[in-house]
Amino acid sequence: FKAVVLFGGTGYRKQVQSLHRGADIIVATPGRLLDCLNRNFASLSKLQVLVLDEADRLLDMGFMPQVQAIIDRAPEKR
């Protein structure tokens, strides 16, 4: 499997290059994933499984809008 890690606080260039080479697994923070989706650097069109690690913590920290936006962009059948 080919994995790509996306996180904020750093430039996009290396992360986007990794995405363009293809990925079977994307590990990402909600904000950076949404940025990449909005800039068409990534797509969830072929998403099969969405895992929200520590989702309770994300919600406690106020990330509900970002988490919901990611879920909304995911294919209905997954």
C-alpha atoms as a PDB file:
ATOM      1  CA  PHE A   1       0.000   0.000   0.000  1.00  0.00           C
ATOM      2  CA  LYS A   2       1.093   3.534  -0.731  1.00  0.00           C
ATOM      3  CA  ALA A   3       0.355   6.035   2.048  1.00  0.00           C
ATOM      4  CA  VAL A   4       0.411   9.841   2.009  1.00  0.00           C
ATOM      5  CA  VAL A   5       0.393  12.030   5.104  1.00  0.00           C
ATOM      6  CA  LEU A   6      -1.243  15.479   4.983  1.00  0.00           C
ATOM      7  CA  PHE A   7      -0.898  17.974   7.831  1.00  0.00           C
ATOM      8  CA  GLY A   8      -0.845  21.713   8.263  1.00  0.00           C
ATOM      9  CA  GLY A   9       1.909  23.994   9.487  1.00  0.00           C
ATOM     10  CA  THR A  10       4.111  23.192   6.500  1.00  0.00           C
ATOM     11  CA  GLY A  11       4.109  23.865   2.771  1.00  0.00           C
ATOM     12  CA  TYR A  12       1.927  22.024   0.293  1.00  0.00           C
ATOM     13  CA  ARG A  13       4.547  21.185  -2.327  1.00  0.00           C
ATOM     14  CA  LYS A  14       5.885  17.858  -1.018  1.00  0.00           C
ATOM     15  CA  GLN A  15       2.458  16.703   0.132  1.00  0.00           C
ATOM     16  CA  VAL A  16       0.841  17.525  -3.215  1.00  0.00           C
ATOM     17  CA  GLN A  17       3.662  15.792  -5.083  1.00  0.00           C
ATOM     18  CA  SER A  18       3.010  12.689  -2.991  1.00  0.00           C
ATOM     19  CA  LEU A  19      -0.711  12.878  -3.797  1.00  0.00           C
ATOM     20  CA  HIS A  20      -0.010  13.146  -7.523  1.00  0.00           C
ATOM     21  CA  ARG A  21       2.034   9.937  -7.383  1.00  0.00           C
ATOM     22  CA  GLY A  22      -1.086   8.204  -6.054  1.00  0.00           C
ATOM     23  CA  ALA A  23      -2.169   6.928  -2.681  1.00  0.00           C
ATOM     24  CA  ASP A  24      -4.012   3.913  -1.359  1.00  0.00           C
ATOM     25  CA  ILE A  25      -4.179   5.419   2.133  1.00  0.00           C
ATOM     26  CA  ILE A  26      -4.328   9.071   3.142  1.00  0.00           C
ATOM     27  CA  VAL A  27      -3.651  10.011   6.757  1.00  0.00           C
ATOM     28  CA  ALA A  28      -4.632  13.629   7.265  1.00  0.00           C
ATOM     29  CA  THR A  29      -5.640  16.332   9.657  1.00  0.00           C
ATOM     30  CA  PRO A  30      -9.152  17.618   8.875  1.00  0.00           C
ATOM     31  CA  GLY A  31      -8.068  21.119   7.896  1.00  0.00           C
ATOM     32  CA  ARG A  32      -5.301  20.077   5.513  1.00  0.00           C
ATOM     33  CA  LEU A  33      -7.468  17.398   3.924  1.00  0.00           C
ATOM     34  CA  LEU A  34     -10.212  19.958   3.272  1.00  0.00           C
ATOM     35  CA  ASP A  35      -7.667  22.407   1.853  1.00  0.00           C
ATOM     36  CA  CYS A  36      -6.408  19.723  -0.535  1.00  0.00           C
ATOM     37  CA  LEU A  37      -9.949  18.761  -1.531  1.00  0.00           C
ATOM     38  CA  ASN A  38     -10.944  22.405  -2.121  1.00  0.00           C
ATOM     39  CA  ARG A  39      -7.838  23.028  -4.247  1.00  0.00           C
ATOM     40  CA  ASN A  40      -8.479  19.815  -6.225  1.00  0.00           C
ATOM     41  CA  PHE A  41      -5.178  18.330  -5.052  1.00  0.00           C
ATOM     42  CA  ALA A  42      -7.102  15.306  -3.723  1.00  0.00           C
ATOM     43  CA  SER A  43     -10.406  13.577  -4.311  1.00  0.00           C
ATOM     44  CA  LEU A  44     -12.567  11.244  -2.270  1.00  0.00           C
ATOM     45  CA  SER A  45     -14.355   9.870  -5.333  1.00  0.00           C
ATOM     46  CA  LYS A  46     -12.826   6.396  -4.916  1.00  0.00           C
ATOM     47  CA  LEU A  47     -12.992   6.361  -1.125  1.00  0.00           C
ATOM     48  CA  GLN A  48     -13.906   2.969   0.281  1.00  0.00           C
ATOM     49  CA  VAL A  49     -13.269   3.402   4.009  1.00  0.00           C
ATOM     50  CA  LEU A  50     -13.177   6.552   6.138  1.00  0.00           C
ATOM     51  CA  VAL A  51     -11.590   6.237   9.580  1.00  0.00           C
ATOM     52  CA  LEU A  52     -11.898   9.095  12.049  1.00  0.00           C
ATOM     53  CA  ASP A  53      -9.254   8.376  14.651  1.00  0.00           C
ATOM     54  CA  GLU A  54      -9.973  10.062  17.973  1.00  0.00           C
ATOM     55  CA  ALA A  55     -13.186  11.542  16.575  1.00  0.00           C
ATOM     56  CA  ASP A  56     -14.424  12.348  20.076  1.00  0.00           C
ATOM     57  CA  ARG A  57     -11.350  14.500  20.629  1.00  0.00           C
ATOM     58  CA  LEU A  58     -11.805  16.215  17.260  1.00  0.00           C
ATOM     59  CA  LEU A  59     -15.386  17.071  18.177  1.00  0.00           C
ATOM     60  CA  ASP A  60     -14.359  18.281  21.640  1.00  0.00           C
ATOM     61  CA  MET A  61     -11.816  20.580  19.991  1.00  0.00           C
ATOM     62  CA  GLY A  62     -14.453  22.137  17.717  1.00  0.00           C
ATOM     63  CA  PHE A  63     -13.670  20.344  14.468  1.00  0.00           C
ATOM     64  CA  MET A  64     -17.258  19.225  13.853  1.00  0.00           C
ATOM     65  CA  PRO A  65     -17.731  21.519  10.820  1.00  0.00           C
ATOM     66  CA  GLN A  66     -14.567  20.170   9.167  1.00  0.00           C
ATOM     67  CA  VAL A  67     -15.410  16.545   9.969  1.00  0.00           C
ATOM     68  CA  GLN A  68     -18.931  17.020   8.590  1.00  0.00           C
ATOM     69  CA  ALA A  69     -17.552  18.677   5.442  1.00  0.00           C
ATOM     70  CA  ILE A  70     -15.278  15.677   4.837  1.00  0.00           C
ATOM     71  CA  ILE A  71     -18.146  13.241   5.368  1.00  0.00           C
ATOM     72  CA  ASP A  72     -20.323  15.301   3.002  1.00  0.00           C
ATOM     73  CA  ARG A  73     -17.642  15.067   0.273  1.00  0.00           C
ATOM     74  CA  ALA A  74     -17.304  11.291   0.632  1.00  0.00           C
ATOM     75  CA  PRO A  75     -19.204   9.040  -1.762  1.00  0.00           C
ATOM     76  CA  GLU A  76     -22.589   7.919  -0.471  1.00  0.00           C
ATOM     77  CA  LYS A  77     -21.669   4.268  -1.067  1.00  0.00           C
ATOM     78  CA  ARG A  78     -18.522   3.487   0.879  1.00  0.00           C
END
